[in-house]
Amino acid sequence: MQFVSAVKNFLVSEDGPTAVEYAVMLALIVIVCLTAVQAIGTNANAKFQKVADTLK
């Protein structure tokens, strides 16, 4: 009887799905941050190359 109650509580509990939702949200945030850093790095590299070419 205690096992059935434990299984029922596990299925009703929302801790598992909440953790999955947080993991998906964190993954999306990391992807957005990496994309932004890459874009900023590419733009900065282009600016530095333009300055270097002008100084030559």
PDB file of N, CA and C in Angstrom:
ATOM      1  N   MET A   1       0.824  -1.196   0.000  1.00  0.00           N
ATOM      2  CA  MET A   1       0.000   0.000   0.000  1.00  0.00           C
ATOM      3  C   MET A   1       0.866   1.257   0.000  1.00  0.00           C
ATOM      4  N   GLN A   2       1.968   1.209   0.735  1.00  0.00           N
ATOM      5  CA  GLN A   2       2.854   2.367   0.812  1.00  0.00           C
ATOM      6  C   GLN A   2       3.514   2.620  -0.555  1.00  0.00           C
ATOM      7  N   PHE A   3       3.839   1.535  -1.273  1.00  0.00           N
ATOM      8  CA  PHE A   3       4.449   1.661  -2.598  1.00  0.00           C
ATOM      9  C   PHE A   3       3.485   2.342  -3.574  1.00  0.00           C
ATOM     10  N   VAL A   4       2.229   1.939  -3.539  1.00  0.00           N
ATOM     11  CA  VAL A   4       1.221   2.534  -4.426  1.00  0.00           C
ATOM     12  C   VAL A   4       1.065   4.010  -4.118  1.00  0.00           C
ATOM     13  N   SER A   5       1.069   4.349  -2.852  1.00  0.00           N
ATOM     14  CA  SER A   5       0.965   5.750  -2.450  1.00  0.00           C
ATOM     15  C   SER A   5       2.177   6.545  -2.930  1.00  0.00           C
ATOM     16  N   ALA A   6       3.363   5.958  -2.831  1.00  0.00           N
ATOM     17  CA  ALA A   6       4.578   6.642  -3.283  1.00  0.00           C
ATOM     18  C   ALA A   6       4.550   6.866  -4.788  1.00  0.00           C
ATOM     19  N   VAL A   7       4.097   5.867  -5.542  1.00  0.00           N
ATOM     20  CA  VAL A   7       4.006   6.011  -6.999  1.00  0.00           C
ATOM     21  C   VAL A   7       2.983   7.074  -7.357  1.00  0.00           C
ATOM     22  N   LYS A   8       1.865   7.081  -6.679  1.00  0.00           N
ATOM     23  CA  LYS A   8       0.827   8.071  -6.941  1.00  0.00           C
ATOM     24  C   LYS A   8       1.347   9.487  -6.656  1.00  0.00           C
ATOM     25  N   ASN A   9       2.059   9.648  -5.543  1.00  0.00           N
ATOM     26  CA  ASN A   9       2.634  10.958  -5.219  1.00  0.00           C
ATOM     27  C   ASN A   9       3.675  11.380  -6.253  1.00  0.00           C
ATOM     28  N   PHE A  10       4.473  10.429  -6.742  1.00  0.00           N
ATOM     29  CA  PHE A  10       5.475  10.737  -7.753  1.00  0.00           C
ATOM     30  C   PHE A  10       4.825  11.220  -9.047  1.00  0.00           C
ATOM     31  N   LEU A  11       3.737  10.562  -9.446  1.00  0.00           N
ATOM     32  CA  LEU A  11       3.064  10.943 -10.684  1.00  0.00           C
ATOM     33  C   LEU A  11       2.350  12.280 -10.556  1.00  0.00           C
ATOM     34  N   VAL A  12       1.874  12.612  -9.384  1.00  0.00           N
ATOM     35  CA  VAL A  12       1.168  13.868  -9.176  1.00  0.00           C
ATOM     36  C   VAL A  12       2.147  15.024  -8.992  1.00  0.00           C
ATOM     37  N   SER A  13       3.329  14.737  -8.469  1.00  0.00           N
ATOM     38  CA  SER A  13       4.327  15.769  -8.207  1.00  0.00           C
ATOM     39  C   SER A  13       4.747  16.454  -9.496  1.00  0.00           C
ATOM     40  N   GLU A  14       4.967  17.751  -9.423  1.00  0.00           N
ATOM     41  CA  GLU A  14       5.361  18.524 -10.597  1.00  0.00           C
ATOM     42  C   GLU A  14       6.841  18.891 -10.573  1.00  0.00           C
ATOM     43  N   ASP A  15       7.623  18.295  -9.703  1.00  0.00           N
ATOM     44  CA  ASP A  15       9.044  18.630  -9.619  1.00  0.00           C
ATOM     45  C   ASP A  15       9.795  18.203 -10.875  1.00  0.00           C
ATOM     46  N   GLY A  16       9.505  17.043 -11.403  1.00  0.00           N
ATOM     47  CA  GLY A  16      10.181  16.548 -12.594  1.00  0.00           C
ATOM     48  C   GLY A  16       9.956  17.428 -13.808  1.00  0.00           C
ATOM     49  N   PRO A  17       8.705  17.687 -14.177  1.00  0.00           N
ATOM     50  CA  PRO A  17       8.460  18.559 -15.332  1.00  0.00           C
ATOM     51  C   PRO A  17       9.005  19.968 -15.131  1.00  0.00           C
ATOM     52  N   THR A  18       8.962  20.471 -13.918  1.00  0.00           N
ATOM     53  CA  THR A  18       9.485  21.802 -13.655  1.00  0.00           C
ATOM     54  C   THR A  18      10.987  21.834 -13.904  1.00  0.00           C
ATOM     55  N   ALA A  19      11.700  20.805 -13.484  1.00  0.00           N
ATOM     56  CA  ALA A  19      13.134  20.741 -13.716  1.00  0.00           C
ATOM     57  C   ALA A  19      13.428  20.665 -15.214  1.00  0.00           C
ATOM     58  N   VAL A  20      12.625  19.923 -15.948  1.00  0.00           N
ATOM     59  CA  VAL A  20      12.824  19.832 -17.402  1.00  0.00           C
ATOM     60  C   VAL A  20      12.567  21.179 -18.055  1.00  0.00           C
ATOM     61  N   GLU A  21      11.539  21.867 -17.619  1.00  0.00           N
ATOM     62  CA  GLU A  21      11.241  23.186 -18.175  1.00  0.00           C
ATOM     63  C   GLU A  21      12.387  24.153 -17.906  1.00  0.00           C
ATOM     64  N   TYR A  22      12.925  24.126 -16.708  1.00  0.00           N
ATOM     65  CA  TYR A  22      14.063  24.996 -16.390  1.00  0.00           C
ATOM     66  C   TYR A  22      15.282  24.630 -17.227  1.00  0.00           C
ATOM     67  N   ALA A  23      15.507  23.359 -17.462  1.00  0.00           N
ATOM     68  CA  ALA A  23      16.648  22.934 -18.273  1.00  0.00           C
ATOM     69  C   ALA A  23      16.498  23.407 -19.722  1.00  0.00           C
ATOM     70  N   VAL A  24      15.300  23.300 -20.273  1.00  0.00           N
ATOM     71  CA  VAL A  24      15.057  23.769 -21.638  1.00  0.00           C
ATOM     72  C   VAL A  24      15.230  25.281 -21.709  1.00  0.00           C
ATOM     73  N   MET A  25      14.697  25.996 -20.725  1.00  0.00           N
ATOM     74  CA  MET A  25      14.828  27.445 -20.702  1.00  0.00           C
ATOM     75  C   MET A  25      16.301  27.855 -20.606  1.00  0.00           C
ATOM     76  N   LEU A  26      17.064  27.168 -19.762  1.00  0.00           N
ATOM     77  CA  LEU A  26      18.482  27.459 -19.618  1.00  0.00           C
ATOM     78  C   LEU A  26      19.218  27.189 -20.925  1.00  0.00           C
ATOM     79  N   ALA A  27      18.886  26.112 -21.604  1.00  0.00           N
ATOM     80  CA  ALA A  27      19.527  25.800 -22.878  1.00  0.00           C
ATOM     81  C   ALA A  27      19.243  26.880 -23.918  1.00  0.00           C
ATOM     82  N   LEU A  28      18.020  27.360 -23.961  1.00  0.00           N
ATOM     83  CA  LEU A  28      17.678  28.423 -24.912  1.00  0.00           C
ATOM     84  C   LEU A  28      18.411  29.718 -24.581  1.00  0.00           C
ATOM     85  N   ILE A  29      18.522  30.049 -23.309  1.00  0.00           N
ATOM     86  CA  ILE A  29      19.248  31.250 -22.904  1.00  0.00           C
ATOM     87  C   ILE A  29      20.717  31.141 -23.291  1.00  0.00           C
ATOM     88  N   VAL A  30      21.312  29.981 -23.085  1.00  0.00           N
ATOM     89  CA  VAL A  30      22.720  29.777 -23.453  1.00  0.00           C
ATOM     90  C   VAL A  30      22.899  29.929 -24.959  1.00  0.00           C
ATOM     91  N   ILE A  31      21.990  29.382 -25.747  1.00  0.00           N
ATOM     92  CA  ILE A  31      22.084  29.499 -27.206  1.00  0.00           C
ATOM     93  C   ILE A  31      21.997  30.958 -27.634  1.00  0.00           C
ATOM     94  N   VAL A  32      21.072  31.703 -27.046  1.00  0.00           N
ATOM     95  CA  VAL A  32      20.930  33.121 -27.390  1.00  0.00           C
ATOM     96  C   VAL A  32      22.193  33.892 -26.999  1.00  0.00           C
ATOM     97  N   CYS A  33      22.730  33.617 -25.826  1.00  0.00           N
ATOM     98  CA  CYS A  33      23.948  34.307 -25.384  1.00  0.00           C
ATOM     99  C   CYS A  33      25.130  33.991 -26.293  1.00  0.00           C
ATOM    100  N   LEU A  34      25.306  32.740 -26.662  1.00  0.00           N
ATOM    101  CA  LEU A  34      26.410  32.377 -27.549  1.00  0.00           C
ATOM    102  C   LEU A  34      26.259  33.027 -28.922  1.00  0.00           C
ATOM    103  N   THR A  35      25.046  33.095 -29.419  1.00  0.00           N
ATOM    104  CA  THR A  35      24.804  33.742 -30.706  1.00  0.00           C
ATOM    105  C   THR A  35      25.124  35.232 -30.629  1.00  0.00           C
ATOM    106  N   ALA A  36      24.720  35.875 -29.535  1.00  0.00           N
ATOM    107  CA  ALA A  36      25.004  37.297 -29.374  1.00  0.00           C
ATOM    108  C   ALA A  36      26.501  37.549 -29.251  1.00  0.00           C
ATOM    109  N   VAL A  37      27.202  36.734 -28.488  1.00  0.00           N
ATOM    110  CA  VAL A  37      28.649  36.906 -28.335  1.00  0.00           C
ATOM    111  C   VAL A  37      29.345  36.710 -29.674  1.00  0.00           C
ATOM    112  N   GLN A  38      28.907  35.726 -30.446  1.00  0.00           N
ATOM    113  CA  GLN A  38      29.514  35.493 -31.756  1.00  0.00           C
ATOM    114  C   GLN A  38      29.280  36.683 -32.677  1.00  0.00           C
ATOM    115  N   ALA A  39      28.072  37.226 -32.670  1.00  0.00           N
ATOM    116  CA  ALA A  39      27.766  38.376 -33.527  1.00  0.00           C
ATOM    117  C   ALA A  39      28.591  39.588 -33.118  1.00  0.00           C
ATOM    118  N   ILE A  40      28.704  39.836 -31.828  1.00  0.00           N
ATOM    119  CA  ILE A  40      29.493  40.970 -31.341  1.00  0.00           C
ATOM    120  C   ILE A  40      30.968  40.771 -31.702  1.00  0.00           C
ATOM    121  N   GLY A  41      31.459  39.553 -31.548  1.00  0.00           N
ATOM    122  CA  GLY A  41      32.852  39.262 -31.888  1.00  0.00           C
ATOM    123  C   GLY A  41      33.127  39.458 -33.366  1.00  0.00           C
ATOM    124  N   THR A  42      32.201  39.041 -34.201  1.00  0.00           N
ATOM    125  CA  THR A  42      32.365  39.207 -35.649  1.00  0.00           C
ATOM    126  C   THR A  42      32.387  40.688 -36.015  1.00  0.00           C
ATOM    127  N   ASN A  43      31.481  41.463 -35.429  1.00  0.00           N
ATOM    128  CA  ASN A  43      31.444  42.904 -35.715  1.00  0.00           C
ATOM    129  C   ASN A  43      32.704  43.591 -35.202  1.00  0.00           C
ATOM    130  N   ALA A  44      33.163  43.232 -34.030  1.00  0.00           N
ATOM    131  CA  ALA A  44      34.372  43.842 -33.484  1.00  0.00           C
ATOM    132  C   ALA A  44      35.579  43.486 -34.342  1.00  0.00           C
ATOM    133  N   ASN A  45      35.656  42.254 -34.794  1.00  0.00           N
ATOM    134  CA  ASN A  45      36.758  41.834 -35.645  1.00  0.00           C
ATOM    135  C   ASN A  45      36.759  42.632 -36.947  1.00  0.00           C
ATOM    136  N   ALA A  46      35.604  42.844 -37.524  1.00  0.00           N
ATOM    137  CA  ALA A  46      35.509  43.629 -38.761  1.00  0.00           C
ATOM    138  C   ALA A  46      35.968  45.066 -38.527  1.00  0.00           C
ATOM    139  N   LYS A  47      35.576  45.642 -37.405  1.00  0.00           N
ATOM    140  CA  LYS A  47      35.996  47.027 -37.094  1.00  0.00           C
ATOM    141  C   LYS A  47      37.507  47.106 -36.913  1.00  0.00           C
ATOM    142  N   PHE A  48      38.081  46.174 -36.158  1.00  0.00           N
ATOM    143  CA  PHE A  48      39.527  46.181 -35.941  1.00  0.00           C
ATOM    144  C   PHE A  48      40.279  45.967 -37.262  1.00  0.00           C
ATOM    145  N   GLN A  49      39.746  45.109 -38.119  1.00  0.00           N
ATOM    146  CA  GLN A  49      40.396  44.891 -39.418  1.00  0.00           C
ATOM    147  C   GLN A  49      40.334  46.146 -40.267  1.00  0.00           C
ATOM    148  N   LYS A  50      39.220  46.874 -40.210  1.00  0.00           N
ATOM    149  CA  LYS A  50      39.075  48.124 -40.964  1.00  0.00           C
ATOM    150  C   LYS A  50      40.080  49.145 -40.457  1.00  0.00           C
ATOM    151  N   VAL A  51      40.245  49.260 -39.147  1.00  0.00           N
ATOM    152  CA  VAL A  51      41.214  50.202 -38.584  1.00  0.00           C
ATOM    153  C   VAL A  51      42.636  49.791 -38.985  1.00  0.00           C
ATOM    154  N   ALA A  52      42.926  48.515 -38.930  1.00  0.00           N
ATOM    155  CA  ALA A  52      44.259  48.032 -39.302  1.00  0.00           C
ATOM    156  C   ALA A  52      44.549  48.326 -40.776  1.00  0.00           C
ATOM    157  N   ASP A  53      43.565  48.135 -41.622  1.00  0.00           N
ATOM    158  CA  ASP A  53      43.755  48.423 -43.051  1.00  0.00           C
ATOM    159  C   ASP A  53      43.945  49.911 -43.289  1.00  0.00           C
ATOM    160  N   THR A  54      43.243  50.743 -42.532  1.00  0.00           N
ATOM    161  CA  THR A  54      43.374  52.198 -42.675  1.00  0.00           C
ATOM    162  C   THR A  54      44.751  52.656 -42.221  1.00  0.00           C
ATOM    163  N   LEU A  55      45.292  52.066 -41.183  1.00  0.00           N
ATOM    164  CA  LEU A  55      46.595  52.469 -40.670  1.00  0.00           C
ATOM    165  C   LEU A  55      47.739  52.036 -41.585  1.00  0.00           C
ATOM    166  N   LYS A  56      47.520  51.046 -42.431  1.00  0.00           N
ATOM    167  CA  LYS A  56      48.586  50.584 -43.319  1.00  0.00           C
ATOM    168  C   LYS A  56      48.825  51.605 -44.357  1.00  0.00           C
TER     169      LYS A  56
END
